[in-house]
Amino acid sequence: MKSKILFLFLILIFTLSAIAQHKSQIKIGRLKYSGGGDWYNDPSAETNLLEFAKKNAGLDTDARYEFVEIMSEKIFNYPILFLTGHGNIFFSSAEAIRLREYLTRGGFIYADDDYGMDKSFRREIKKIFPELNLTEIPFSHGIFNSFYPFPNGAPKIHEHDNKPPQSFGLFYSGRLVLFYTFESNPSDGWADREIHNDSEEKRIEALKFGTNILVWTLTQ
């Protein structure tokens, strides 16, 4: 009887330890939004990035695809939310308040224009922080060299309109709370190679840049 109780106790300790370790692992939440845009595209992107960052930067990541609804309490379980898509984005008033709460409590959003979301993204972000404006991030900013050097800013992974890549941000109380890449599209380079047929060089460049975003977010 005593041995059985000891065995069950050890199983409980092991289970609790595994749960605690899982909760401490770095996760990315794919932000689900309304409006018709394909917020769900390329689900392999986050998985590949988290695996790359674990292998090459030593980050303790939970390499899985997880989406989160804005009004869910689970949103606060993610240090980073990832927002992407090709089409329209819409936040209700309640969702804008929730996203503001998430960001002002220490959260971070990385948004990547997958081509076609720029206009609606800029409109909806003003709902969250009407007093703030997106500002272009200078190449000297720490996010561009937090782990890998990107002296010229965000890499050009997809051509889109053949314009130079740009990075923008929102700063709240001096902290970068939202980072937005335009005409760059690193997240397409994170996806499985056969999806976009990016060269291995481009994919590694995109994954390195994504790792920079993770490292910067987690060390600020």
N, C-alpha and C. Protein backbone atom coordinates (compact mmCIF):
# COMPACT_ATOMS: atom_id res chain seq x y z
N MET A 1 0.82 -1.21 0.00
CA MET A 1 0.00 0.00 0.00
C MET A 1 0.86 1.27 0.00
N LYS A 2 1.91 1.25 0.87
CA LYS A 2 2.80 2.41 0.95
C LYS A 2 3.53 2.64 -0.36
N SER A 3 3.96 1.53 -0.98
CA SER A 3 4.67 1.65 -2.25
C SER A 3 3.76 2.21 -3.34
N LYS A 4 2.48 1.84 -3.29
CA LYS A 4 1.53 2.34 -4.27
C LYS A 4 1.31 3.84 -4.08
N ILE A 5 1.19 4.27 -2.82
CA ILE A 5 1.01 5.69 -2.52
C ILE A 5 2.24 6.48 -2.97
N LEU A 6 3.45 5.92 -2.71
CA LEU A 6 4.69 6.58 -3.12
C LEU A 6 4.74 6.71 -4.63
N PHE A 7 4.33 5.65 -5.32
CA PHE A 7 4.34 5.68 -6.78
C PHE A 7 3.41 6.77 -7.32
N LEU A 8 2.21 6.84 -6.74
CA LEU A 8 1.24 7.86 -7.17
C LEU A 8 1.75 9.27 -6.86
N PHE A 9 2.43 9.40 -5.73
CA PHE A 9 2.99 10.70 -5.36
C PHE A 9 4.07 11.13 -6.35
N LEU A 10 4.92 10.19 -6.74
CA LEU A 10 5.98 10.50 -7.70
C LEU A 10 5.39 10.87 -9.07
N ILE A 11 4.33 10.17 -9.46
CA ILE A 11 3.65 10.49 -10.73
C ILE A 11 3.09 11.90 -10.67
N LEU A 12 2.50 12.28 -9.53
CA LEU A 12 1.93 13.62 -9.37
C LEU A 12 3.02 14.68 -9.47
N ILE A 13 4.14 14.45 -8.78
CA ILE A 13 5.26 15.40 -8.82
C ILE A 13 5.78 15.57 -10.24
N PHE A 14 5.93 14.45 -10.95
CA PHE A 14 6.41 14.49 -12.33
C PHE A 14 5.44 15.26 -13.23
N THR A 15 4.14 15.00 -13.02
CA THR A 15 3.12 15.68 -13.84
C THR A 15 3.12 17.18 -13.59
N LEU A 16 3.16 17.58 -12.32
CA LEU A 16 3.18 19.00 -11.99
C LEU A 16 4.43 19.68 -12.52
N SER A 17 5.56 18.98 -12.46
CA SER A 17 6.82 19.52 -12.98
C SER A 17 6.73 19.72 -14.49
N ALA A 18 6.13 18.76 -15.18
CA ALA A 18 5.99 18.86 -16.64
C ALA A 18 5.08 20.00 -17.01
N ILE A 19 3.99 20.18 -16.23
CA ILE A 19 3.05 21.28 -16.50
C ILE A 19 3.75 22.62 -16.30
N ALA A 20 4.50 22.73 -15.20
CA ALA A 20 5.21 23.98 -14.90
C ALA A 20 6.22 24.31 -15.98
N GLN A 21 6.96 23.29 -16.46
CA GLN A 21 7.95 23.50 -17.50
C GLN A 21 7.26 23.93 -18.79
N HIS A 22 6.14 23.30 -19.12
CA HIS A 22 5.40 23.64 -20.34
C HIS A 22 4.93 25.09 -20.30
N LYS A 23 4.43 25.52 -19.12
CA LYS A 23 3.93 26.89 -18.99
C LYS A 23 5.05 27.91 -19.13
N SER A 24 6.28 27.52 -18.74
CA SER A 24 7.38 28.46 -18.79
C SER A 24 8.00 28.57 -20.17
N GLN A 25 7.64 27.64 -21.07
CA GLN A 25 8.20 27.68 -22.41
C GLN A 25 7.64 28.85 -23.21
N ILE A 26 8.46 29.36 -24.13
CA ILE A 26 8.09 30.51 -24.94
C ILE A 26 7.11 30.08 -26.02
N LYS A 27 5.99 30.75 -26.08
CA LYS A 27 4.97 30.44 -27.06
C LYS A 27 4.61 31.69 -27.85
N ILE A 28 4.11 31.49 -29.04
CA ILE A 28 3.58 32.58 -29.87
C ILE A 28 2.11 32.31 -30.09
N GLY A 29 1.27 33.32 -29.89
CA GLY A 29 -0.15 33.19 -30.16
C GLY A 29 -0.51 33.85 -31.48
N ARG A 30 -1.08 33.08 -32.40
CA ARG A 30 -1.55 33.67 -33.67
C ARG A 30 -2.85 34.41 -33.38
N LEU A 31 -2.87 35.69 -33.65
CA LEU A 31 -4.03 36.51 -33.31
C LEU A 31 -5.16 36.32 -34.33
N LYS A 32 -6.30 35.87 -33.82
CA LYS A 32 -7.49 35.70 -34.65
C LYS A 32 -8.30 36.99 -34.62
N TYR A 33 -8.58 37.53 -35.79
CA TYR A 33 -9.32 38.79 -35.87
C TYR A 33 -10.48 38.66 -36.85
N SER A 34 -11.40 39.60 -36.78
CA SER A 34 -12.54 39.63 -37.69
C SER A 34 -12.21 40.50 -38.90
N GLY A 35 -13.14 40.55 -39.86
CA GLY A 35 -12.97 41.42 -41.01
C GLY A 35 -12.81 40.70 -42.33
N GLY A 36 -12.50 39.41 -42.27
CA GLY A 36 -12.39 38.65 -43.51
C GLY A 36 -10.98 38.30 -43.93
N GLY A 37 -9.98 38.90 -43.31
CA GLY A 37 -8.60 38.59 -43.67
C GLY A 37 -8.20 37.20 -43.22
N ASP A 38 -7.24 36.61 -43.93
CA ASP A 38 -6.84 35.23 -43.61
C ASP A 38 -5.77 35.22 -42.51
N TRP A 39 -6.22 35.49 -41.30
CA TRP A 39 -5.34 35.53 -40.13
C TRP A 39 -4.65 34.19 -39.89
N TYR A 40 -5.18 33.11 -40.44
CA TYR A 40 -4.79 31.73 -40.16
C TYR A 40 -3.76 31.18 -41.14
N ASN A 41 -3.33 31.94 -42.13
CA ASN A 41 -2.52 31.37 -43.20
C ASN A 41 -1.13 30.94 -42.73
N ASP A 42 -0.54 30.00 -43.44
CA ASP A 42 0.81 29.48 -43.16
C ASP A 42 1.01 29.07 -41.69
N PRO A 43 0.26 28.12 -41.19
CA PRO A 43 0.40 27.72 -39.78
C PRO A 43 1.75 27.12 -39.42
N SER A 44 2.54 26.75 -40.44
CA SER A 44 3.88 26.20 -40.15
C SER A 44 4.88 27.29 -39.79
N ALA A 45 4.52 28.54 -39.99
CA ALA A 45 5.47 29.64 -39.80
C ALA A 45 6.00 29.71 -38.37
N GLU A 46 5.09 29.81 -37.39
CA GLU A 46 5.52 29.93 -36.00
C GLU A 46 6.26 28.68 -35.53
N THR A 47 5.77 27.51 -35.95
CA THR A 47 6.39 26.26 -35.54
C THR A 47 7.85 26.22 -35.97
N ASN A 48 8.10 26.55 -37.24
CA ASN A 48 9.46 26.53 -37.76
C ASN A 48 10.34 27.58 -37.08
N LEU A 49 9.78 28.76 -36.84
CA LEU A 49 10.56 29.81 -36.18
C LEU A 49 10.95 29.38 -34.77
N LEU A 50 10.00 28.87 -34.02
CA LEU A 50 10.28 28.47 -32.64
C LEU A 50 11.29 27.33 -32.57
N GLU A 51 11.22 26.42 -33.53
CA GLU A 51 12.20 25.33 -33.58
C GLU A 51 13.59 25.88 -33.92
N PHE A 52 13.65 26.82 -34.86
CA PHE A 52 14.92 27.42 -35.25
C PHE A 52 15.54 28.18 -34.08
N ALA A 53 14.72 28.96 -33.38
CA ALA A 53 15.22 29.75 -32.26
C ALA A 53 15.70 28.87 -31.12
N LYS A 54 15.05 27.74 -30.94
CA LYS A 54 15.47 26.80 -29.90
C LYS A 54 16.82 26.19 -30.25
N LYS A 55 16.99 25.81 -31.49
CA LYS A 55 18.22 25.15 -31.93
C LYS A 55 19.39 26.12 -32.02
N ASN A 56 19.14 27.33 -32.50
CA ASN A 56 20.23 28.24 -32.81
C ASN A 56 20.45 29.37 -31.80
N ALA A 57 19.43 29.67 -31.00
CA ALA A 57 19.58 30.73 -30.01
C ALA A 57 19.41 30.23 -28.59
N GLY A 58 19.13 28.94 -28.45
CA GLY A 58 19.01 28.35 -27.12
C GLY A 58 17.76 28.76 -26.35
N LEU A 59 16.74 29.26 -27.06
CA LEU A 59 15.51 29.65 -26.38
C LEU A 59 14.67 28.42 -26.05
N ASP A 60 14.05 28.43 -24.89
CA ASP A 60 13.19 27.31 -24.46
C ASP A 60 11.81 27.53 -25.02
N THR A 61 11.58 27.05 -26.23
CA THR A 61 10.33 27.33 -26.94
C THR A 61 9.40 26.13 -26.95
N ASP A 62 8.13 26.44 -27.12
CA ASP A 62 7.09 25.42 -27.30
C ASP A 62 6.67 25.53 -28.76
N ALA A 63 7.28 24.71 -29.61
CA ALA A 63 7.14 24.85 -31.06
C ALA A 63 5.83 24.25 -31.55
N ARG A 64 4.79 25.03 -31.44
CA ARG A 64 3.49 24.59 -31.95
C ARG A 64 2.71 25.80 -32.46
N TYR A 65 1.71 25.52 -33.31
CA TYR A 65 0.83 26.58 -33.81
C TYR A 65 -0.37 26.68 -32.88
N GLU A 66 -0.57 27.86 -32.31
CA GLU A 66 -1.72 28.10 -31.45
C GLU A 66 -2.34 29.44 -31.82
N PHE A 67 -3.64 29.45 -32.04
CA PHE A 67 -4.30 30.74 -32.28
C PHE A 67 -5.06 31.14 -31.02
N VAL A 68 -5.26 32.44 -30.89
CA VAL A 68 -5.95 32.94 -29.71
C VAL A 68 -6.93 34.03 -30.12
N GLU A 69 -8.12 33.97 -29.54
CA GLU A 69 -9.13 35.00 -29.79
C GLU A 69 -8.86 36.19 -28.87
N ILE A 70 -9.12 37.36 -29.37
CA ILE A 70 -8.76 38.59 -28.66
C ILE A 70 -9.41 38.67 -27.29
N MET A 71 -10.66 38.25 -27.17
CA MET A 71 -11.37 38.40 -25.91
C MET A 71 -11.13 37.25 -24.93
N SER A 72 -10.34 36.28 -25.35
CA SER A 72 -10.04 35.16 -24.46
C SER A 72 -9.03 35.57 -23.40
N GLU A 73 -9.20 35.04 -22.19
CA GLU A 73 -8.23 35.30 -21.12
C GLU A 73 -6.89 34.65 -21.45
N LYS A 74 -6.89 33.69 -22.36
CA LYS A 74 -5.66 33.01 -22.73
C LYS A 74 -4.68 33.95 -23.41
N ILE A 75 -5.16 35.08 -23.89
CA ILE A 75 -4.30 36.01 -24.59
C ILE A 75 -3.12 36.45 -23.73
N PHE A 76 -3.33 36.49 -22.41
CA PHE A 76 -2.29 36.94 -21.49
C PHE A 76 -1.25 35.85 -21.20
N ASN A 77 -1.45 34.66 -21.77
CA ASN A 77 -0.48 33.58 -21.60
C ASN A 77 0.66 33.67 -22.61
N TYR A 78 0.52 34.56 -23.58
CA TYR A 78 1.50 34.66 -24.65
C TYR A 78 2.31 35.94 -24.53
N PRO A 79 3.64 35.83 -24.45
CA PRO A 79 4.46 37.04 -24.43
C PRO A 79 4.47 37.76 -25.77
N ILE A 80 4.16 36.99 -26.83
CA ILE A 80 4.16 37.54 -28.19
C ILE A 80 2.91 37.08 -28.92
N LEU A 81 2.24 38.02 -29.57
CA LEU A 81 1.14 37.72 -30.47
C LEU A 81 1.61 38.02 -31.89
N PHE A 82 1.25 37.15 -32.81
CA PHE A 82 1.62 37.32 -34.21
C PHE A 82 0.38 37.60 -35.03
N LEU A 83 0.41 38.69 -35.79
CA LEU A 83 -0.72 39.11 -36.60
C LEU A 83 -0.26 39.21 -38.05
N THR A 84 -0.99 38.54 -38.94
CA THR A 84 -0.64 38.59 -40.36
C THR A 84 -1.89 38.37 -41.20
N GLY A 85 -1.72 38.37 -42.50
CA GLY A 85 -2.85 38.16 -43.40
C GLY A 85 -2.71 38.97 -44.67
N HIS A 86 -3.65 38.74 -45.59
CA HIS A 86 -3.65 39.43 -46.87
C HIS A 86 -4.79 40.44 -47.00
N GLY A 87 -5.80 40.33 -46.15
CA GLY A 87 -7.00 41.14 -46.37
C GLY A 87 -7.37 42.04 -45.21
N ASN A 88 -8.66 42.27 -45.08
CA ASN A 88 -9.18 43.23 -44.13
C ASN A 88 -9.07 42.76 -42.68
N ILE A 89 -8.77 43.72 -41.79
CA ILE A 89 -8.71 43.48 -40.36
C ILE A 89 -9.75 44.38 -39.69
N PHE A 90 -10.43 43.84 -38.67
CA PHE A 90 -11.39 44.65 -37.93
C PHE A 90 -11.34 44.28 -36.46
N PHE A 91 -11.24 45.32 -35.60
CA PHE A 91 -11.33 45.15 -34.16
C PHE A 91 -12.56 45.88 -33.65
N SER A 92 -13.37 45.22 -32.84
CA SER A 92 -14.48 45.91 -32.19
C SER A 92 -13.92 46.82 -31.11
N SER A 93 -14.76 47.67 -30.55
CA SER A 93 -14.31 48.56 -29.47
C SER A 93 -13.79 47.75 -28.28
N ALA A 94 -14.52 46.68 -27.94
CA ALA A 94 -14.11 45.83 -26.82
C ALA A 94 -12.78 45.15 -27.11
N GLU A 95 -12.58 44.72 -28.35
CA GLU A 95 -11.33 44.07 -28.72
C GLU A 95 -10.16 45.05 -28.68
N ALA A 96 -10.41 46.29 -29.11
CA ALA A 96 -9.36 47.31 -29.06
C ALA A 96 -8.94 47.57 -27.62
N ILE A 97 -9.91 47.62 -26.71
CA ILE A 97 -9.60 47.82 -25.28
C ILE A 97 -8.80 46.65 -24.74
N ARG A 98 -9.18 45.43 -25.13
CA ARG A 98 -8.48 44.24 -24.66
C ARG A 98 -7.04 44.22 -25.17
N LEU A 99 -6.84 44.57 -26.44
CA LEU A 99 -5.49 44.57 -26.99
C LEU A 99 -4.63 45.66 -26.34
N ARG A 100 -5.24 46.78 -26.02
CA ARG A 100 -4.51 47.83 -25.31
C ARG A 100 -4.09 47.33 -23.93
N GLU A 101 -5.01 46.63 -23.25
CA GLU A 101 -4.68 46.08 -21.94
C GLU A 101 -3.54 45.08 -22.06
N TYR A 102 -3.61 44.22 -23.06
CA TYR A 102 -2.55 43.22 -23.26
C TYR A 102 -1.19 43.90 -23.46
N LEU A 103 -1.16 44.92 -24.30
CA LEU A 103 0.10 45.58 -24.62
C LEU A 103 0.64 46.42 -23.46
N THR A 104 -0.24 47.10 -22.75
CA THR A 104 0.22 47.95 -21.65
C THR A 104 0.62 47.13 -20.42
N ARG A 105 0.20 45.86 -20.39
CA ARG A 105 0.58 44.97 -19.29
C ARG A 105 1.87 44.20 -19.59
N GLY A 106 2.52 44.53 -20.69
CA GLY A 106 3.80 43.91 -21.00
C GLY A 106 3.82 43.03 -22.24
N GLY A 107 2.67 42.90 -22.91
CA GLY A 107 2.62 42.07 -24.11
C GLY A 107 3.25 42.75 -25.31
N PHE A 108 3.40 41.99 -26.37
CA PHE A 108 4.05 42.48 -27.60
C PHE A 108 3.35 41.88 -28.80
N ILE A 109 3.13 42.69 -29.83
CA ILE A 109 2.55 42.22 -31.08
C ILE A 109 3.56 42.40 -32.20
N TYR A 110 3.79 41.30 -32.94
CA TYR A 110 4.54 41.42 -34.19
C TYR A 110 3.55 41.24 -35.33
N ALA A 111 3.45 42.26 -36.17
CA ALA A 111 2.54 42.23 -37.32
C ALA A 111 3.36 42.22 -38.61
N ASP A 112 2.99 41.33 -39.51
CA ASP A 112 3.69 41.21 -40.78
C ASP A 112 2.69 41.28 -41.92
N ASP A 113 2.82 42.30 -42.76
CA ASP A 113 1.93 42.45 -43.90
C ASP A 113 2.25 41.37 -44.92
N ASP A 114 1.30 40.46 -45.07
CA ASP A 114 1.48 39.37 -46.03
C ASP A 114 1.05 39.79 -47.43
N TYR A 115 0.79 41.06 -47.57
CA TYR A 115 0.40 41.75 -48.80
C TYR A 115 -1.11 41.97 -48.84
N GLY A 116 -1.49 43.20 -48.57
CA GLY A 116 -2.90 43.57 -48.68
C GLY A 116 -3.58 43.97 -47.40
N MET A 117 -2.88 43.89 -46.25
CA MET A 117 -3.54 44.23 -44.98
C MET A 117 -3.12 45.61 -44.46
N ASP A 118 -2.23 46.28 -45.15
CA ASP A 118 -1.63 47.51 -44.62
C ASP A 118 -2.67 48.58 -44.28
N LYS A 119 -3.57 48.86 -45.20
CA LYS A 119 -4.54 49.94 -44.98
C LYS A 119 -5.42 49.67 -43.77
N SER A 120 -6.00 48.48 -43.69
CA SER A 120 -6.89 48.16 -42.57
C SER A 120 -6.12 48.02 -41.27
N PHE A 121 -4.89 47.51 -41.34
CA PHE A 121 -4.07 47.38 -40.13
C PHE A 121 -3.82 48.74 -39.51
N ARG A 122 -3.40 49.70 -40.31
CA ARG A 122 -3.12 51.04 -39.80
C ARG A 122 -4.38 51.68 -39.22
N ARG A 123 -5.50 51.44 -39.85
CA ARG A 123 -6.78 51.99 -39.37
C ARG A 123 -7.15 51.39 -38.02
N GLU A 124 -7.03 50.08 -37.88
CA GLU A 124 -7.46 49.40 -36.67
C GLU A 124 -6.51 49.64 -35.49
N ILE A 125 -5.23 49.80 -35.78
CA ILE A 125 -4.26 50.06 -34.72
C ILE A 125 -4.57 51.39 -34.02
N LYS A 126 -5.12 52.35 -34.76
CA LYS A 126 -5.49 53.64 -34.16
C LYS A 126 -6.61 53.48 -33.14
N LYS A 127 -7.39 52.41 -33.25
CA LYS A 127 -8.43 52.14 -32.25
C LYS A 127 -7.79 51.76 -30.91
N ILE A 128 -6.66 51.08 -30.98
CA ILE A 128 -5.99 50.62 -29.77
C ILE A 128 -5.26 51.76 -29.08
N PHE A 129 -4.51 52.52 -29.86
CA PHE A 129 -3.76 53.65 -29.33
C PHE A 129 -4.03 54.88 -30.19
N PRO A 130 -5.19 55.53 -30.01
CA PRO A 130 -5.51 56.70 -30.83
C PRO A 130 -4.52 57.84 -30.66
N GLU A 131 -3.81 57.85 -29.52
CA GLU A 131 -2.86 58.94 -29.24
C GLU A 131 -1.48 58.68 -29.81
N LEU A 132 -1.26 57.47 -30.36
CA LEU A 132 0.06 57.12 -30.88
C LEU A 132 0.04 56.97 -32.39
N ASN A 133 1.19 57.17 -33.00
CA ASN A 133 1.35 56.98 -34.43
C ASN A 133 2.45 55.94 -34.69
N LEU A 134 2.24 55.15 -35.73
CA LEU A 134 3.30 54.26 -36.16
C LEU A 134 4.48 55.08 -36.64
N THR A 135 5.66 54.77 -36.16
CA THR A 135 6.86 55.48 -36.59
C THR A 135 7.84 54.48 -37.19
N GLU A 136 8.57 54.94 -38.20
CA GLU A 136 9.54 54.04 -38.82
C GLU A 136 10.71 53.81 -37.86
N ILE A 137 11.11 52.55 -37.74
CA ILE A 137 12.17 52.17 -36.82
C ILE A 137 13.53 52.34 -37.50
N PRO A 138 14.44 53.10 -36.91
CA PRO A 138 15.76 53.28 -37.53
C PRO A 138 16.58 51.99 -37.46
N PHE A 139 17.50 51.85 -38.40
CA PHE A 139 18.32 50.63 -38.46
C PHE A 139 19.18 50.46 -37.22
N SER A 140 19.37 51.52 -36.48
CA SER A 140 20.20 51.46 -35.28
C SER A 140 19.46 50.86 -34.08
N HIS A 141 18.18 50.62 -34.22
CA HIS A 141 17.41 50.09 -33.10
C HIS A 141 17.89 48.69 -32.74
N GLY A 142 17.81 48.36 -31.46
CA GLY A 142 18.33 47.10 -30.94
C GLY A 142 17.68 45.86 -31.51
N ILE A 143 16.47 45.96 -32.00
CA ILE A 143 15.79 44.77 -32.53
C ILE A 143 16.51 44.21 -33.75
N PHE A 144 17.27 45.08 -34.42
CA PHE A 144 17.97 44.65 -35.63
C PHE A 144 19.32 43.98 -35.34
N ASN A 145 19.72 43.96 -34.09
CA ASN A 145 20.97 43.24 -33.76
C ASN A 145 20.88 42.54 -32.41
N SER A 146 19.67 42.19 -31.99
CA SER A 146 19.50 41.55 -30.68
C SER A 146 20.15 40.18 -30.61
N PHE A 147 20.30 39.52 -31.75
CA PHE A 147 21.00 38.23 -31.79
C PHE A 147 21.81 38.10 -33.07
N TYR A 148 21.16 38.34 -34.21
CA TYR A 148 21.85 38.35 -35.50
C TYR A 148 21.91 39.79 -36.01
N PRO A 149 22.99 40.15 -36.70
CA PRO A 149 23.09 41.53 -37.22
C PRO A 149 22.28 41.74 -38.50
N PHE A 150 21.43 42.75 -38.48
CA PHE A 150 20.70 43.20 -39.66
C PHE A 150 20.93 44.71 -39.79
N PRO A 151 22.12 45.10 -40.25
CA PRO A 151 22.48 46.52 -40.29
C PRO A 151 21.61 47.36 -41.22
N ASN A 152 20.93 46.70 -42.15
CA ASN A 152 20.06 47.43 -43.09
C ASN A 152 18.58 47.21 -42.79
N GLY A 153 18.28 46.79 -41.58
CA GLY A 153 16.89 46.62 -41.19
C GLY A 153 16.30 45.30 -41.66
N ALA A 154 14.99 45.27 -41.76
CA ALA A 154 14.28 44.05 -42.12
C ALA A 154 14.71 43.53 -43.49
N PRO A 155 14.85 42.23 -43.64
CA PRO A 155 15.24 41.66 -44.94
C PRO A 155 14.08 41.67 -45.92
N LYS A 156 14.41 41.66 -47.18
CA LYS A 156 13.42 41.60 -48.25
C LYS A 156 13.22 40.13 -48.63
N ILE A 157 12.16 39.53 -48.11
CA ILE A 157 11.92 38.11 -48.37
C ILE A 157 11.03 37.92 -49.59
N HIS A 158 9.97 38.72 -49.72
CA HIS A 158 9.09 38.68 -50.90
C HIS A 158 9.02 40.06 -51.54
N GLU A 159 8.92 40.07 -52.86
CA GLU A 159 9.00 41.33 -53.60
C GLU A 159 7.75 42.21 -53.45
N HIS A 160 6.55 41.61 -53.56
CA HIS A 160 5.32 42.39 -53.49
C HIS A 160 5.34 43.51 -54.50
N ASP A 161 5.44 44.78 -54.08
CA ASP A 161 5.40 45.90 -55.02
C ASP A 161 6.79 46.42 -55.37
N ASN A 162 7.81 45.61 -55.11
CA ASN A 162 9.20 45.98 -55.43
C ASN A 162 9.64 47.26 -54.74
N LYS A 163 9.09 47.50 -53.56
CA LYS A 163 9.50 48.64 -52.75
C LYS A 163 10.47 48.15 -51.67
N PRO A 164 11.28 49.05 -51.12
CA PRO A 164 12.20 48.63 -50.06
C PRO A 164 11.45 48.23 -48.81
N PRO A 165 11.96 47.26 -48.07
CA PRO A 165 11.29 46.85 -46.82
C PRO A 165 11.35 47.94 -45.78
N GLN A 166 10.29 48.04 -44.99
CA GLN A 166 10.22 49.04 -43.92
C GLN A 166 9.75 48.37 -42.63
N SER A 167 10.17 48.94 -41.52
CA SER A 167 9.74 48.47 -40.21
C SER A 167 9.18 49.66 -39.43
N PHE A 168 8.03 49.45 -38.82
CA PHE A 168 7.37 50.50 -38.05
C PHE A 168 7.09 49.99 -36.64
N GLY A 169 6.86 50.92 -35.75
CA GLY A 169 6.58 50.52 -34.38
C GLY A 169 5.67 51.48 -33.66
N LEU A 170 5.06 50.98 -32.60
CA LEU A 170 4.33 51.81 -31.65
C LEU A 170 5.09 51.75 -30.32
N PHE A 171 5.35 52.93 -29.77
CA PHE A 171 6.05 53.02 -28.49
C PHE A 171 5.09 53.55 -27.42
N TYR A 172 4.93 52.76 -26.38
CA TYR A 172 4.08 53.16 -25.26
C TYR A 172 4.95 53.31 -24.03
N SER A 173 4.96 54.51 -23.45
CA SER A 173 5.81 54.82 -22.28
C SER A 173 7.27 54.43 -22.55
N GLY A 174 7.70 54.68 -23.76
CA GLY A 174 9.08 54.41 -24.14
C GLY A 174 9.39 52.99 -24.55
N ARG A 175 8.42 52.08 -24.43
CA ARG A 175 8.64 50.67 -24.78
C ARG A 175 8.01 50.35 -26.12
N LEU A 176 8.77 49.63 -26.94
CA LEU A 176 8.24 49.16 -28.21
C LEU A 176 7.23 48.05 -27.92
N VAL A 177 5.95 48.31 -28.18
CA VAL A 177 4.91 47.32 -27.87
C VAL A 177 4.38 46.64 -29.12
N LEU A 178 4.62 47.24 -30.28
CA LEU A 178 4.16 46.66 -31.54
C LEU A 178 5.21 46.91 -32.60
N PHE A 179 5.55 45.86 -33.32
CA PHE A 179 6.54 45.93 -34.39
C PHE A 179 5.88 45.45 -35.67
N TYR A 180 6.01 46.23 -36.75
CA TYR A 180 5.28 45.96 -37.98
C TYR A 180 6.23 46.01 -39.17
N THR A 181 6.27 44.92 -39.93
CA THR A 181 7.10 44.88 -41.13
C THR A 181 6.22 45.00 -42.37
N PHE A 182 6.69 45.84 -43.31
CA PHE A 182 5.94 46.15 -44.53
C PHE A 182 6.89 45.99 -45.72
N GLU A 183 6.40 45.37 -46.80
CA GLU A 183 7.21 45.10 -47.99
C GLU A 183 8.44 44.26 -47.64
N SER A 184 8.28 43.40 -46.68
CA SER A 184 9.38 42.55 -46.22
C SER A 184 8.94 41.10 -46.15
N ASN A 185 7.90 40.86 -45.38
CA ASN A 185 7.23 39.56 -45.26
C ASN A 185 8.12 38.42 -44.76
N PRO A 186 8.83 38.61 -43.65
CA PRO A 186 9.66 37.53 -43.11
C PRO A 186 8.89 36.26 -42.81
N SER A 187 7.63 36.38 -42.38
CA SER A 187 6.89 35.19 -41.95
C SER A 187 6.65 34.20 -43.09
N ASP A 188 6.63 34.68 -44.34
CA ASP A 188 6.52 33.74 -45.46
C ASP A 188 7.77 32.88 -45.54
N GLY A 189 8.90 33.46 -45.16
CA GLY A 189 10.14 32.70 -45.15
C GLY A 189 10.22 31.69 -44.02
N TRP A 190 9.40 31.87 -42.98
CA TRP A 190 9.37 30.90 -41.88
C TRP A 190 8.61 29.63 -42.28
N ALA A 191 7.66 29.78 -43.17
CA ALA A 191 6.78 28.66 -43.53
C ALA A 191 7.57 27.54 -44.21
N ASP A 192 6.97 26.37 -44.26
CA ASP A 192 7.60 25.23 -44.93
C ASP A 192 8.02 25.63 -46.35
N ARG A 193 9.18 25.17 -46.75
CA ARG A 193 9.79 25.63 -48.00
C ARG A 193 8.89 25.45 -49.21
N GLU A 194 8.17 24.34 -49.28
CA GLU A 194 7.37 24.05 -50.47
C GLU A 194 6.17 24.99 -50.64
N ILE A 195 5.83 25.74 -49.61
CA ILE A 195 4.67 26.62 -49.69
C ILE A 195 4.95 27.84 -50.58
N HIS A 196 6.10 28.48 -50.39
CA HIS A 196 6.42 29.68 -51.17
C HIS A 196 7.65 29.51 -52.05
N ASN A 197 8.30 28.37 -51.95
CA ASN A 197 9.49 28.08 -52.76
C ASN A 197 10.59 29.11 -52.59
N ASP A 198 10.72 29.64 -51.38
CA ASP A 198 11.83 30.55 -51.11
C ASP A 198 13.13 29.76 -51.09
N SER A 199 14.21 30.43 -51.48
CA SER A 199 15.52 29.78 -51.44
C SER A 199 15.90 29.52 -49.98
N GLU A 200 16.81 28.59 -49.78
CA GLU A 200 17.25 28.29 -48.42
C GLU A 200 17.91 29.52 -47.79
N GLU A 201 18.61 30.29 -48.61
CA GLU A 201 19.26 31.51 -48.11
C GLU A 201 18.22 32.49 -47.57
N LYS A 202 17.13 32.67 -48.33
CA LYS A 202 16.07 33.59 -47.90
C LYS A 202 15.37 33.07 -46.65
N ARG A 203 15.14 31.78 -46.59
CA ARG A 203 14.46 31.19 -45.43
C ARG A 203 15.30 31.37 -44.16
N ILE A 204 16.60 31.12 -44.26
CA ILE A 204 17.47 31.28 -43.10
C ILE A 204 17.52 32.74 -42.67
N GLU A 205 17.55 33.64 -43.64
CA GLU A 205 17.55 35.07 -43.34
C GLU A 205 16.28 35.46 -42.59
N ALA A 206 15.15 34.95 -43.06
CA ALA A 206 13.86 35.25 -42.42
C ALA A 206 13.79 34.67 -41.01
N LEU A 207 14.27 33.45 -40.84
CA LEU A 207 14.25 32.80 -39.53
C LEU A 207 15.19 33.50 -38.55
N LYS A 208 16.32 33.98 -39.03
CA LYS A 208 17.23 34.73 -38.18
C LYS A 208 16.58 36.03 -37.73
N PHE A 209 15.88 36.68 -38.65
CA PHE A 209 15.22 37.94 -38.30
C PHE A 209 14.10 37.69 -37.29
N GLY A 210 13.36 36.62 -37.48
CA GLY A 210 12.32 36.26 -36.52
C GLY A 210 12.90 35.97 -35.14
N THR A 211 14.06 35.33 -35.12
CA THR A 211 14.74 35.06 -33.85
C THR A 211 15.10 36.36 -33.16
N ASN A 212 15.54 37.34 -33.92
CA ASN A 212 15.83 38.66 -33.35
C ASN A 212 14.60 39.25 -32.65
N ILE A 213 13.45 39.10 -33.29
CA ILE A 213 12.22 39.63 -32.71
C ILE A 213 11.92 38.93 -31.39
N LEU A 214 12.08 37.62 -31.37
CA LEU A 214 11.85 36.86 -30.13
C LEU A 214 12.81 37.29 -29.03
N VAL A 215 14.09 37.34 -29.35
CA VAL A 215 15.09 37.69 -28.35
C VAL A 215 14.87 39.10 -27.82
N TRP A 216 14.57 40.03 -28.73
CA TRP A 216 14.33 41.41 -28.31
C TRP A 216 13.14 41.49 -27.36
N THR A 217 12.06 40.84 -27.73
CA THR A 217 10.84 40.88 -26.93
C THR A 217 11.06 40.31 -25.53
N LEU A 218 11.77 39.21 -25.46
CA LEU A 218 11.94 38.50 -24.20
C LEU A 218 12.98 39.11 -23.29
N THR A 219 13.79 40.02 -23.82
CA THR A 219 14.83 40.64 -22.99
C THR A 219 14.53 42.09 -22.63
N GLN A 220 13.35 42.57 -23.06
CA GLN A 220 13.02 43.98 -22.77
C GLN A 220 12.01 44.06 -21.62
